PDB file of N, CA and C in Angstrom:
ATOM      1  N   MET A   1      62.592 -10.425  45.444  1.00  0.00           N
ATOM      2  CA  MET A   1      62.100 -11.316  44.404  1.00  0.00           C
ATOM      3  C   MET A   1      60.845 -10.707  43.777  1.00  0.00           C
ATOM      4  N   ASN A   2      60.773 -10.753  42.467  1.00  0.00           N
ATOM      5  CA  ASN A   2      59.649 -10.191  41.732  1.00  0.00           C
ATOM      6  C   ASN A   2      58.671 -11.302  41.390  1.00  0.00           C
ATOM      7  N   SER A   3      57.519 -11.275  41.994  1.00  0.00           N
ATOM      8  CA  SER A   3      56.502 -12.283  41.739  1.00  0.00           C
ATOM      9  C   SER A   3      55.385 -11.641  40.921  1.00  0.00           C
ATOM     10  N   ILE A   4      55.258 -12.065  39.676  1.00  0.00           N
ATOM     11  CA  ILE A   4      54.230 -11.528  38.787  1.00  0.00           C
ATOM     12  C   ILE A   4      53.102 -12.540  38.682  1.00  0.00           C
ATOM     13  N   HIS A   5      51.897 -12.081  38.930  1.00  0.00           N
ATOM     14  CA  HIS A   5      50.703 -12.916  38.836  1.00  0.00           C
ATOM     15  C   HIS A   5      50.035 -12.647  37.492  1.00  0.00           C
ATOM     16  N   VAL A   6      49.359 -13.663  36.951  1.00  0.00           N
ATOM     17  CA  VAL A   6      48.698 -13.533  35.658  1.00  0.00           C
ATOM     18  C   VAL A   6      47.285 -14.090  35.747  1.00  0.00           C
ATOM     19  N   ILE A   7      46.333 -13.279  35.291  1.00  0.00           N
ATOM     20  CA  ILE A   7      44.956 -13.745  35.139  1.00  0.00           C
ATOM     21  C   ILE A   7      44.482 -13.329  33.745  1.00  0.00           C
ATOM     22  N   HIS A   8      43.361 -13.868  33.324  1.00  0.00           N
ATOM     23  CA  HIS A   8      42.824 -13.572  31.994  1.00  0.00           C
ATOM     24  C   HIS A   8      41.352 -13.157  32.110  1.00  0.00           C
ATOM     25  N   PRO A   9      41.108 -11.879  32.419  1.00  0.00           N
ATOM     26  CA  PRO A   9      39.719 -11.412  32.504  1.00  0.00           C
ATOM     27  C   PRO A   9      38.998 -11.509  31.155  1.00  0.00           C
ATOM     28  N   TYR A  10      37.694 -11.652  31.234  1.00  0.00           N
ATOM     29  CA  TYR A  10      36.820 -11.723  30.069  1.00  0.00           C
ATOM     30  C   TYR A  10      35.469 -11.170  30.498  1.00  0.00           C
ATOM     31  N   LYS A  11      34.642 -10.828  29.519  1.00  0.00           N
ATOM     32  CA  LYS A  11      33.315 -10.310  29.832  1.00  0.00           C
ATOM     33  C   LYS A  11      32.293 -11.426  29.692  1.00  0.00           C
ATOM     34  N   TYR A  12      31.449 -11.533  30.700  1.00  0.00           N
ATOM     35  CA  TYR A  12      30.369 -12.516  30.706  1.00  0.00           C
ATOM     36  C   TYR A  12      29.136 -11.825  31.265  1.00  0.00           C
ATOM     37  N   MET A  13      28.070 -11.814  30.486  1.00  0.00           N
ATOM     38  CA  MET A  13      26.825 -11.162  30.901  1.00  0.00           C
ATOM     39  C   MET A  13      27.080  -9.709  31.338  1.00  0.00           C
ATOM     40  N   MET A  14      27.849  -8.990  30.532  1.00  0.00           N
ATOM     41  CA  MET A  14      28.129  -7.564  30.739  1.00  0.00           C
ATOM     42  C   MET A  14      29.003  -7.280  31.964  1.00  0.00           C
ATOM     43  N   CYS A  15      29.678  -8.292  32.488  1.00  0.00           N
ATOM     44  CA  CYS A  15      30.515  -8.110  33.679  1.00  0.00           C
ATOM     45  C   CYS A  15      31.908  -8.688  33.419  1.00  0.00           C
ATOM     46  N   TRP A  16      32.942  -7.945  33.838  1.00  0.00           N
ATOM     47  CA  TRP A  16      34.302  -8.478  33.747  1.00  0.00           C
ATOM     48  C   TRP A  16      34.506  -9.532  34.823  1.00  0.00           C
ATOM     49  N   MET A  17      35.013 -10.686  34.433  1.00  0.00           N
ATOM     50  CA  MET A  17      35.246 -11.805  35.347  1.00  0.00           C
ATOM     51  C   MET A  17      36.582 -12.458  35.010  1.00  0.00           C
ATOM     52  N   PHE A  18      37.009 -13.356  35.892  1.00  0.00           N
ATOM     53  CA  PHE A  18      38.178 -14.177  35.581  1.00  0.00           C
ATOM     54  C   PHE A  18      38.069 -15.500  36.312  1.00  0.00           C
ATOM     55  N   ASP A  19      38.783 -16.471  35.790  1.00  0.00           N
ATOM     56  CA  ASP A  19      38.878 -17.801  36.399  1.00  0.00           C
ATOM     57  C   ASP A  19      40.339 -18.021  36.760  1.00  0.00           C
ATOM     58  N   ASP A  20      40.564 -18.625  37.891  1.00  0.00           N
ATOM     59  CA  ASP A  20      41.920 -19.048  38.253  1.00  0.00           C
ATOM     60  C   ASP A  20      41.782 -20.318  39.076  1.00  0.00           C
ATOM     61  N   GLU A  21      41.771 -21.426  38.375  1.00  0.00           N
ATOM     62  CA  GLU A  21      41.562 -22.722  39.023  1.00  0.00           C
ATOM     63  C   GLU A  21      42.638 -23.032  40.051  1.00  0.00           C
ATOM     64  N   LYS A  22      43.857 -22.468  39.876  1.00  0.00           N
ATOM     65  CA  LYS A  22      44.949 -22.722  40.827  1.00  0.00           C
ATOM     66  C   LYS A  22      44.572 -22.268  42.240  1.00  0.00           C
ATOM     67  N   VAL A  23      43.740 -21.234  42.339  1.00  0.00           N
ATOM     68  CA  VAL A  23      43.354 -20.725  43.651  1.00  0.00           C
ATOM     69  C   VAL A  23      41.857 -20.908  43.920  1.00  0.00           C
ATOM     70  N   GLY A  24      41.179 -21.676  43.059  1.00  0.00           N
ATOM     71  CA  GLY A  24      39.787 -22.009  43.277  1.00  0.00           C
ATOM     72  C   GLY A  24      38.774 -20.931  42.914  1.00  0.00           C
ATOM     73  N   LEU A  25      39.120 -20.054  41.979  1.00  0.00           N
ATOM     74  CA  LEU A  25      38.201 -18.987  41.581  1.00  0.00           C
ATOM     75  C   LEU A  25      37.634 -19.265  40.188  1.00  0.00           C
ATOM     76  N   ILE A  26      36.320 -19.251  40.088  1.00  0.00           N
ATOM     77  CA  ILE A  26      35.623 -19.433  38.817  1.00  0.00           C
ATOM     78  C   ILE A  26      34.590 -18.320  38.700  1.00  0.00           C
ATOM     79  N   GLU A  27      34.602 -17.640  37.559  1.00  0.00           N
ATOM     80  CA  GLU A  27      33.695 -16.520  37.296  1.00  0.00           C
ATOM     81  C   GLU A  27      33.715 -15.492  38.428  1.00  0.00           C
ATOM     82  N   GLU A  28      34.913 -15.139  38.871  1.00  0.00           N
ATOM     83  CA  GLU A  28      35.092 -14.128  39.921  1.00  0.00           C
ATOM     84  C   GLU A  28      34.911 -12.755  39.284  1.00  0.00           C
ATOM     85  N   PRO A  29      33.898 -11.989  39.706  1.00  0.00           N
ATOM     86  CA  PRO A  29      33.633 -10.695  39.059  1.00  0.00           C
ATOM     87  C   PRO A  29      34.465  -9.542  39.616  1.00  0.00           C
ATOM     88  N   PHE A  30      34.698  -8.565  38.757  1.00  0.00           N
ATOM     89  CA  PHE A  30      35.236  -7.273  39.167  1.00  0.00           C
ATOM     90  C   PHE A  30      34.036  -6.346  39.306  1.00  0.00           C
ATOM     91  N   VAL A  31      33.932  -5.652  40.434  1.00  0.00           N
ATOM     92  CA  VAL A  31      32.782  -4.791  40.710  1.00  0.00           C
ATOM     93  C   VAL A  31      33.241  -3.470  41.329  1.00  0.00           C
ATOM     94  N   SER A  32      32.298  -2.630  41.639  1.00  0.00           N
ATOM     95  CA  SER A  32      32.515  -1.403  42.420  1.00  0.00           C
ATOM     96  C   SER A  32      33.657  -0.533  41.894  1.00  0.00           C
ATOM     97  N   GLY A  33      33.581  -0.208  40.625  1.00  0.00           N
ATOM     98  CA  GLY A  33      34.551   0.700  40.039  1.00  0.00           C
ATOM     99  C   GLY A  33      35.720   0.026  39.358  1.00  0.00           C
ATOM    100  N   PHE A  34      36.140  -1.152  39.848  1.00  0.00           N
ATOM    101  CA  PHE A  34      37.270  -1.795  39.179  1.00  0.00           C
ATOM    102  C   PHE A  34      36.851  -2.303  37.801  1.00  0.00           C
ATOM    103  N   ASP A  35      35.581  -2.626  37.635  1.00  0.00           N
ATOM    104  CA  ASP A  35      35.076  -3.008  36.317  1.00  0.00           C
ATOM    105  C   ASP A  35      35.195  -1.850  35.331  1.00  0.00           C
ATOM    106  N   GLU A  36      34.955  -0.637  35.796  1.00  0.00           N
ATOM    107  CA  GLU A  36      35.070   0.538  34.934  1.00  0.00           C
ATOM    108  C   GLU A  36      36.534   0.853  34.620  1.00  0.00           C
ATOM    109  N   ILE A  37      37.414   0.609  35.571  1.00  0.00           N
ATOM    110  CA  ILE A  37      38.851   0.768  35.317  1.00  0.00           C
ATOM    111  C   ILE A  37      39.280  -0.192  34.214  1.00  0.00           C
ATOM    112  N   ILE A  38      38.826  -1.433  34.289  1.00  0.00           N
ATOM    113  CA  ILE A  38      39.167  -2.415  33.265  1.00  0.00           C
ATOM    114  C   ILE A  38      38.601  -1.982  31.912  1.00  0.00           C
ATOM    115  N   ASP A  39      37.366  -1.475  31.890  1.00  0.00           N
ATOM    116  CA  ASP A  39      36.795  -0.971  30.629  1.00  0.00           C
ATOM    117  C   ASP A  39      37.755   0.000  29.961  1.00  0.00           C
ATOM    118  N   LYS A  40      38.275   0.948  30.725  1.00  0.00           N
ATOM    119  CA  LYS A  40      39.172   1.972  30.180  1.00  0.00           C
ATOM    120  C   LYS A  40      40.514   1.387  29.748  1.00  0.00           C
ATOM    121  N   LEU A  41      41.122   0.568  30.596  1.00  0.00           N
ATOM    122  CA  LEU A  41      42.451   0.042  30.299  1.00  0.00           C
ATOM    123  C   LEU A  41      42.448  -1.017  29.189  1.00  0.00           C
ATOM    124  N   ALA A  42      41.299  -1.636  28.955  1.00  0.00           N
ATOM    125  CA  ALA A  42      41.209  -2.674  27.923  1.00  0.00           C
ATOM    126  C   ALA A  42      40.722  -2.127  26.581  1.00  0.00           C
ATOM    127  N   GLU A  43      40.427  -0.839  26.513  1.00  0.00           N
ATOM    128  CA  GLU A  43      39.905  -0.242  25.272  1.00  0.00           C
ATOM    129  C   GLU A  43      40.787  -0.499  24.057  1.00  0.00           C
ATOM    130  N   GLN A  44      42.084  -0.485  24.230  1.00  0.00           N
ATOM    131  CA  GLN A  44      43.011  -0.621  23.108  1.00  0.00           C
ATOM    132  C   GLN A  44      43.357  -2.074  22.772  1.00  0.00           C
ATOM    133  N   ILE A  45      42.751  -3.018  23.477  1.00  0.00           N
ATOM    134  CA  ILE A  45      43.043  -4.436  23.235  1.00  0.00           C
ATOM    135  C   ILE A  45      41.955  -5.014  22.338  1.00  0.00           C
ATOM    136  N   PRO A  46      42.315  -5.473  21.138  1.00  0.00           N
ATOM    137  CA  PRO A  46      41.316  -6.065  20.242  1.00  0.00           C
ATOM    138  C   PRO A  46      40.615  -7.259  20.902  1.00  0.00           C
ATOM    139  N   ASN A  47      39.301  -7.283  20.808  1.00  0.00           N
ATOM    140  CA  ASN A  47      38.479  -8.384  21.332  1.00  0.00           C
ATOM    141  C   ASN A  47      38.723  -8.667  22.810  1.00  0.00           C
ATOM    142  N   ALA A  48      38.997  -7.631  23.583  1.00  0.00           N
ATOM    143  CA  ALA A  48      39.272  -7.809  25.017  1.00  0.00           C
ATOM    144  C   ALA A  48      38.145  -8.545  25.733  1.00  0.00           C
ATOM    145  N   GLU A  49      36.924  -8.350  25.289  1.00  0.00           N
ATOM    146  CA  GLU A  49      35.778  -9.000  25.941  1.00  0.00           C
ATOM    147  C   GLU A  49      35.904 -10.514  25.938  1.00  0.00           C
ATOM    148  N   LYS A  50      36.621 -11.046  24.959  1.00  0.00           N
ATOM    149  CA  LYS A  50      36.807 -12.499  24.865  1.00  0.00           C
ATOM    150  C   LYS A  50      37.970 -12.978  25.723  1.00  0.00           C
ATOM    151  N   GLY A  51      38.685 -12.040  26.320  1.00  0.00           N
ATOM    152  CA  GLY A  51      39.789 -12.379  27.210  1.00  0.00           C
ATOM    153  C   GLY A  51      41.057 -11.614  26.857  1.00  0.00           C
ATOM    154  N   PHE A  52      41.755 -11.176  27.878  1.00  0.00           N
ATOM    155  CA  PHE A  52      43.036 -10.515  27.707  1.00  0.00           C
ATOM    156  C   PHE A  52      43.923 -10.908  28.877  1.00  0.00           C
ATOM    157  N   THR A  53      45.184 -10.547  28.799  1.00  0.00           N
ATOM    158  CA  THR A  53      46.145 -10.901  29.836  1.00  0.00           C
ATOM    159  C   THR A  53      46.345  -9.719  30.765  1.00  0.00           C
ATOM    160  N   PHE A  54      46.209  -9.975  32.058  1.00  0.00           N
ATOM    161  CA  PHE A  54      46.373  -8.961  33.108  1.00  0.00           C
ATOM    162  C   PHE A  54      47.487  -9.460  34.021  1.00  0.00           C
ATOM    163  N   LEU A  55      48.659  -8.840  33.905  1.00  0.00           N
ATOM    164  CA  LEU A  55      49.794  -9.177  34.766  1.00  0.00           C
ATOM    165  C   LEU A  55      49.843  -8.158  35.891  1.00  0.00           C
ATOM    166  N   PHE A  56      50.153  -8.610  37.115  1.00  0.00           N
ATOM    167  CA  PHE A  56      50.223  -7.675  38.239  1.00  0.00           C
ATOM    168  C   PHE A  56      51.207  -8.162  39.290  1.00  0.00           C
ATOM    169  N   SER A  57      51.798  -7.190  39.985  1.00  0.00           N
ATOM    170  CA  SER A  57      52.824  -7.493  40.979  1.00  0.00           C
ATOM    171  C   SER A  57      52.924  -6.343  41.975  1.00  0.00           C
ATOM    172  N   SER A  58      53.369  -6.652  43.168  1.00  0.00           N
ATOM    173  CA  SER A  58      53.604  -5.596  44.156  1.00  0.00           C
ATOM    174  C   SER A  58      54.935  -4.894  43.893  1.00  0.00           C
ATOM    175  N   GLU A  59      55.704  -5.414  42.954  1.00  0.00           N
ATOM    176  CA  GLU A  59      56.982  -4.815  42.551  1.00  0.00           C
ATOM    177  C   GLU A  59      56.874  -4.347  41.100  1.00  0.00           C
ATOM    178  N   LYS A  60      57.475  -3.213  40.808  1.00  0.00           N
ATOM    179  CA  LYS A  60      57.490  -2.712  39.440  1.00  0.00           C
ATOM    180  C   LYS A  60      58.233  -3.709  38.551  1.00  0.00           C
ATOM    181  N   PHE A  61      57.720  -3.932  37.327  1.00  0.00           N
ATOM    182  CA  PHE A  61      58.342  -4.877  36.409  1.00  0.00           C
ATOM    183  C   PHE A  61      58.367  -4.294  34.996  1.00  0.00           C
ATOM    184  N   PRO A  62      59.270  -4.767  34.134  1.00  0.00           N
ATOM    185  CA  PRO A  62      59.348  -4.266  32.764  1.00  0.00           C
ATOM    186  C   PRO A  62      58.019  -4.479  32.039  1.00  0.00           C
ATOM    187  N   GLY A  63      57.538  -3.446  31.408  1.00  0.00           N
ATOM    188  CA  GLY A  63      56.284  -3.550  30.663  1.00  0.00           C
ATOM    189  C   GLY A  63      55.053  -3.110  31.434  1.00  0.00           C
ATOM    190  N   CYS A  64      55.182  -2.921  32.735  1.00  0.00           N
ATOM    191  CA  CYS A  64      54.001  -2.470  33.478  1.00  0.00           C
ATOM    192  C   CYS A  64      53.670  -1.045  33.006  1.00  0.00           C
ATOM    193  N   SER A  65      52.400  -0.766  32.867  1.00  0.00           N
ATOM    194  CA  SER A  65      52.001   0.524  32.312  1.00  0.00           C
ATOM    195  C   SER A  65      51.066   1.312  33.214  1.00  0.00           C
ATOM    196  N   VAL A  66      50.697   0.719  34.319  1.00  0.00           N
ATOM    197  CA  VAL A  66      49.760   1.382  35.229  1.00  0.00           C
ATOM    198  C   VAL A  66      50.043   0.921  36.655  1.00  0.00           C
ATOM    199  N   ASP A  67      49.785   1.794  37.613  1.00  0.00           N
ATOM    200  CA  ASP A  67      49.935   1.388  39.010  1.00  0.00           C
ATOM    201  C   ASP A  67      48.688   1.779  39.789  1.00  0.00           C
ATOM    202  N   PHE A  68      48.501   1.087  40.889  1.00  0.00           N
ATOM    203  CA  PHE A  68      47.342   1.275  41.747  1.00  0.00           C
ATOM    204  C   PHE A  68      47.817   1.506  43.174  1.00  0.00           C
ATOM    205  N   GLU A  69      47.288   2.531  43.812  1.00  0.00           N
ATOM    206  CA  GLU A  69      47.656   2.865  45.188  1.00  0.00           C
ATOM    207  C   GLU A  69      46.514   2.507  46.129  1.00  0.00           C
ATOM    208  N   TRP A  70      46.866   1.830  47.216  1.00  0.00           N
ATOM    209  CA  TRP A  70      45.890   1.438  48.229  1.00  0.00           C
ATOM    210  C   TRP A  70      45.297   2.678  48.887  1.00  0.00           C
ATOM    211  N   ARG A  71      43.985   2.681  49.086  1.00  0.00           N
ATOM    212  CA  ARG A  71      43.314   3.797  49.749  1.00  0.00           C
ATOM    213  C   ARG A  71      42.743   3.411  51.113  1.00  0.00           C
ATOM    214  N   ARG A  72      41.989   2.292  51.148  1.00  0.00           N
ATOM    215  CA  ARG A  72      41.340   1.907  52.401  1.00  0.00           C
ATOM    216  C   ARG A  72      40.744   0.502  52.270  1.00  0.00           C
ATOM    217  N   GLU A  73      40.462  -0.089  53.424  1.00  0.00           N
ATOM    218  CA  GLU A  73      39.808  -1.394  53.492  1.00  0.00           C
ATOM    219  C   GLU A  73      38.307  -1.156  53.664  1.00  0.00           C
ATOM    220  N   GLU A  74      37.508  -2.013  53.057  1.00  0.00           N
ATOM    221  CA  GLU A  74      36.056  -1.945  53.251  1.00  0.00           C
ATOM    222  C   GLU A  74      35.435  -3.294  52.920  1.00  0.00           C
ATOM    223  N   ASN A  75      34.599  -3.785  53.801  1.00  0.00           N
ATOM    224  CA  ASN A  75      33.868  -5.036  53.593  1.00  0.00           C
ATOM    225  C   ASN A  75      34.778  -6.208  53.217  1.00  0.00           C
ATOM    226  N   GLY A  76      35.935  -6.287  53.833  1.00  0.00           N
ATOM    227  CA  GLY A  76      36.855  -7.383  53.590  1.00  0.00           C
ATOM    228  C   GLY A  76      37.721  -7.209  52.353  1.00  0.00           C
ATOM    229  N   GLY A  77      37.410  -6.215  51.533  1.00  0.00           N
ATOM    230  CA  GLY A  77      38.190  -5.939  50.329  1.00  0.00           C
ATOM    231  C   GLY A  77      38.964  -4.643  50.482  1.00  0.00           C
ATOM    232  N   ASN A  78      39.547  -4.187  49.397  1.00  0.00           N
ATOM    233  CA  ASN A  78      40.396  -2.999  49.432  1.00  0.00           C
ATOM    234  C   ASN A  78      40.132  -2.088  48.242  1.00  0.00           C
ATOM    235  N   TRP A  79      40.099  -0.788  48.514  1.00  0.00           N
ATOM    236  CA  TRP A  79      39.950   0.226  47.478  1.00  0.00           C
ATOM    237  C   TRP A  79      41.328   0.650  46.996  1.00  0.00           C
ATOM    238  N   TYR A  80      41.471   0.741  45.669  1.00  0.00           N
ATOM    239  CA  TYR A  80      42.709   1.182  45.036  1.00  0.00           C
ATOM    240  C   TYR A  80      42.418   2.334  44.082  1.00  0.00           C
ATOM    241  N   TYR A  81      43.385   3.245  43.994  1.00  0.00           N
ATOM    242  CA  TYR A  81      43.269   4.408  43.121  1.00  0.00           C
ATOM    243  C   TYR A  81      44.224   4.257  41.944  1.00  0.00           C
ATOM    244  N   CYS A  82      43.716   4.480  40.744  1.00  0.00           N
ATOM    245  CA  CYS A  82      44.509   4.455  39.522  1.00  0.00           C
ATOM    246  C   CYS A  82      44.740   5.900  39.096  1.00  0.00           C
ATOM    247  N   GLY A  83      45.934   6.426  39.367  1.00  0.00           N
ATOM    248  CA  GLY A  83      46.252   7.804  39.034  1.00  0.00           C
ATOM    249  C   GLY A  83      46.213   8.080  37.541  1.00  0.00           C
ATOM    250  N   LYS A  84      46.588   7.100  36.736  1.00  0.00           N
ATOM    251  CA  LYS A  84      46.591   7.260  35.281  1.00  0.00           C
ATOM    252  C   LYS A  84      45.208   7.635  34.765  1.00  0.00           C
ATOM    253  N   LEU A  85      44.174   7.075  35.401  1.00  0.00           N
ATOM    254  CA  LEU A  85      42.801   7.316  34.973  1.00  0.00           C
ATOM    255  C   LEU A  85      42.044   8.260  35.906  1.00  0.00           C
ATOM    256  N   GLY A  86      42.586   8.506  37.093  1.00  0.00           N
ATOM    257  CA  GLY A  86      41.865   9.298  38.076  1.00  0.00           C
ATOM    258  C   GLY A  86      40.618   8.578  38.572  1.00  0.00           C
ATOM    259  N   MET A  87      40.715   7.252  38.687  1.00  0.00           N
ATOM    260  CA  MET A  87      39.569   6.429  39.079  1.00  0.00           C
ATOM    261  C   MET A  87      39.939   5.535  40.258  1.00  0.00           C
ATOM    262  N   GLU A  88      38.911   5.169  41.011  1.00  0.00           N
ATOM    263  CA  GLU A  88      39.074   4.307  42.169  1.00  0.00           C
ATOM    264  C   GLU A  88      38.216   3.063  41.982  1.00  0.00           C
ATOM    265  N   GLY A  89      38.719   1.906  42.438  1.00  0.00           N
ATOM    266  CA  GLY A  89      37.963   0.667  42.333  1.00  0.00           C
ATOM    267  C   GLY A  89      38.250  -0.250  43.513  1.00  0.00           C
ATOM    268  N   TRP A  90      37.290  -1.104  43.804  1.00  0.00           N
ATOM    269  CA  TRP A  90      37.362  -2.023  44.942  1.00  0.00           C
ATOM    270  C   TRP A  90      37.746  -3.413  44.455  1.00  0.00           C
ATOM    271  N   LEU A  91      38.684  -4.029  45.151  1.00  0.00           N
ATOM    272  CA  LEU A  91      39.044  -5.421  44.886  1.00  0.00           C
ATOM    273  C   LEU A  91      38.598  -6.261  46.074  1.00  0.00           C
ATOM    274  N   CYS A  92      37.882  -7.326  45.788  1.00  0.00           N
ATOM    275  CA  CYS A  92      37.291  -8.163  46.830  1.00  0.00           C
ATOM    276  C   CYS A  92      38.361  -8.980  47.570  1.00  0.00           C
ATOM    277  N   PRO A  93      37.954  -9.704  48.608  1.00  0.00           N
ATOM    278  CA  PRO A  93      38.916 -10.507  49.383  1.00  0.00           C
ATOM    279  C   PRO A  93      39.657 -11.565  48.578  1.00  0.00           C
ATOM    280  N   ALA A  94      39.253 -11.828  47.343  1.00  0.00           N
ATOM    281  CA  ALA A  94      39.993 -12.783  46.501  1.00  0.00           C
ATOM    282  C   ALA A  94      41.433 -12.322  46.286  1.00  0.00           C
ATOM    283  N   LEU A  95      41.706 -11.039  46.519  1.00  0.00           N
ATOM    284  CA  LEU A  95      43.065 -10.508  46.404  1.00  0.00           C
ATOM    285  C   LEU A  95      44.027 -11.265  47.319  1.00  0.00           C
ATOM    286  N   GLU A  96      43.502 -11.802  48.426  1.00  0.00           N
ATOM    287  CA  GLU A  96      44.327 -12.550  49.386  1.00  0.00           C
ATOM    288  C   GLU A  96      44.905 -13.826  48.779  1.00  0.00           C
ATOM    289  N   ASN A  97      44.354 -14.274  47.657  1.00  0.00           N
ATOM    290  CA  ASN A  97      44.915 -15.439  46.963  1.00  0.00           C
ATOM    291  C   ASN A  97      46.243 -15.114  46.291  1.00  0.00           C
ATOM    292  N   TYR A  98      46.527 -13.837  46.133  1.00  0.00           N
ATOM    293  CA  TYR A  98      47.730 -13.398  45.425  1.00  0.00           C
ATOM    294  C   TYR A  98      48.723 -12.664  46.316  1.00  0.00           C
ATOM    295  N   PHE A  99      48.237 -12.046  47.365  1.00  0.00           N
ATOM    296  CA  PHE A  99      49.089 -11.314  48.303  1.00  0.00           C
ATOM    297  C   PHE A  99      48.665 -11.666  49.726  1.00  0.00           C
ATOM    298  N   LYS A 100      49.630 -11.927  50.606  1.00  0.00           N
ATOM    299  CA  LYS A 100      49.302 -12.248  52.002  1.00  0.00           C
ATOM    300  C   LYS A 100      48.551 -11.092  52.662  1.00  0.00           C
ATOM    301  N   ILE A 101      49.017  -9.887  52.394  1.00  0.00           N
ATOM    302  CA  ILE A 101      48.314  -8.686  52.842  1.00  0.00           C
ATOM    303  C   ILE A 101      48.185  -7.766  51.638  1.00  0.00           C
ATOM    304  N   ALA A 102      47.148  -6.968  51.632  1.00  0.00           N
ATOM    305  CA  ALA A 102      46.912  -6.060  50.505  1.00  0.00           C
ATOM    306  C   ALA A 102      48.112  -5.128  50.348  1.00  0.00           C
ATOM    307  N   PRO A 103      48.718  -5.100  49.172  1.00  0.00           N
ATOM    308  CA  PRO A 103      49.887  -4.223  48.981  1.00  0.00           C
ATOM    309  C   PRO A 103      49.484  -2.749  48.985  1.00  0.00           C
ATOM    310  N   LYS A 104      50.386  -1.902  49.454  1.00  0.00           N
ATOM    311  CA  LYS A 104      50.138  -0.457  49.440  1.00  0.00           C
ATOM    312  C   LYS A 104      50.144   0.073  48.019  1.00  0.00           C
ATOM    313  N   LYS A 105      50.799  -0.658  47.129  1.00  0.00           N
ATOM    314  CA  LYS A 105      50.839  -0.289  45.723  1.00  0.00           C
ATOM    315  C   LYS A 105      51.052  -1.559  44.918  1.00  0.00           C
ATOM    316  N   PHE A 106      50.389  -1.639  43.759  1.00  0.00           N
ATOM    317  CA  PHE A 106      50.719  -2.719  42.848  1.00  0.00           C
ATOM    318  C   PHE A 106      50.748  -2.189  41.419  1.00  0.00           C
ATOM    319  N   TYR A 107      51.472  -2.905  40.578  1.00  0.00           N
ATOM    320  CA  TYR A 107      51.733  -2.502  39.209  1.00  0.00           C
ATOM    321  C   TYR A 107      51.093  -3.515  38.271  1.00  0.00           C
ATOM    322  N   ALA A 108      50.671  -3.042  37.085  1.00  0.00           N
ATOM    323  CA  ALA A 108      49.968  -3.947  36.175  1.00  0.00           C
ATOM    324  C   ALA A 108      50.275  -3.655  34.719  1.00  0.00           C
ATOM    325  N   GLN A 109      50.026  -4.674  33.924  1.00  0.00           N
ATOM    326  CA  GLN A 109      50.111  -4.560  32.472  1.00  0.00           C
ATOM    327  C   GLN A 109      48.888  -5.260  31.895  1.00  0.00           C
ATOM    328  N   PHE A 110      48.230  -4.594  30.964  1.00  0.00           N
ATOM    329  CA  PHE A 110      47.080  -5.145  30.264  1.00  0.00           C
ATOM    330  C   PHE A 110      47.506  -5.361  28.815  1.00  0.00           C
ATOM    331  N   LYS A 111      47.371  -6.578  28.299  1.00  0.00           N
ATOM    332  CA  LYS A 111      47.750  -6.830  26.913  1.00  0.00           C
ATOM    333  C   LYS A 111      46.903  -7.949  26.324  1.00  0.00           C
ATOM    334  N   GLY A 112      46.941  -8.060  25.013  1.00  0.00           N
ATOM    335  CA  GLY A 112      46.178  -9.096  24.329  1.00  0.00           C
ATOM    336  C   GLY A 112      46.574 -10.482  24.790  1.00  0.00           C
ATOM    337  N   LYS A 113      45.596 -11.357  24.795  1.00  0.00           N
ATOM    338  CA  LYS A 113      45.840 -12.744  25.201  1.00  0.00           C
ATOM    339  C   LYS A 113      46.524 -13.479  24.051  1.00  0.00           C
ATOM    340  N   GLN A 114      47.590 -14.179  24.368  1.00  0.00           N
ATOM    341  CA  GLN A 114      48.334 -14.885  23.317  1.00  0.00           C
ATOM    342  C   GLN A 114      48.208 -16.365  23.469  1.00  0.00           C
TER     343      GLN A 114
END
């Protein structure tokens, strides 16, 4: 079964954040390199700072344009490598709201918010 998760990151006070009331997250920041990954992947999205759509899944899906490979656990979160960009970023324990265990690989699509 292909389970695709959707969040809508936005920039607030120079930091990428997202809200997901379904899992109790408000102004959850992306930090430690994942913010820089988002900077790069959102460059082509008009007005991305005001919000864009970030779809992600542990299974490849039509339209996904980037994948992330698990590297290691640290401080309750997980480091992932984006081969497309040659960059690494840390995802905090909030990832557990979407996956029971950190996936060895996940796929994503970044697109304008509709």
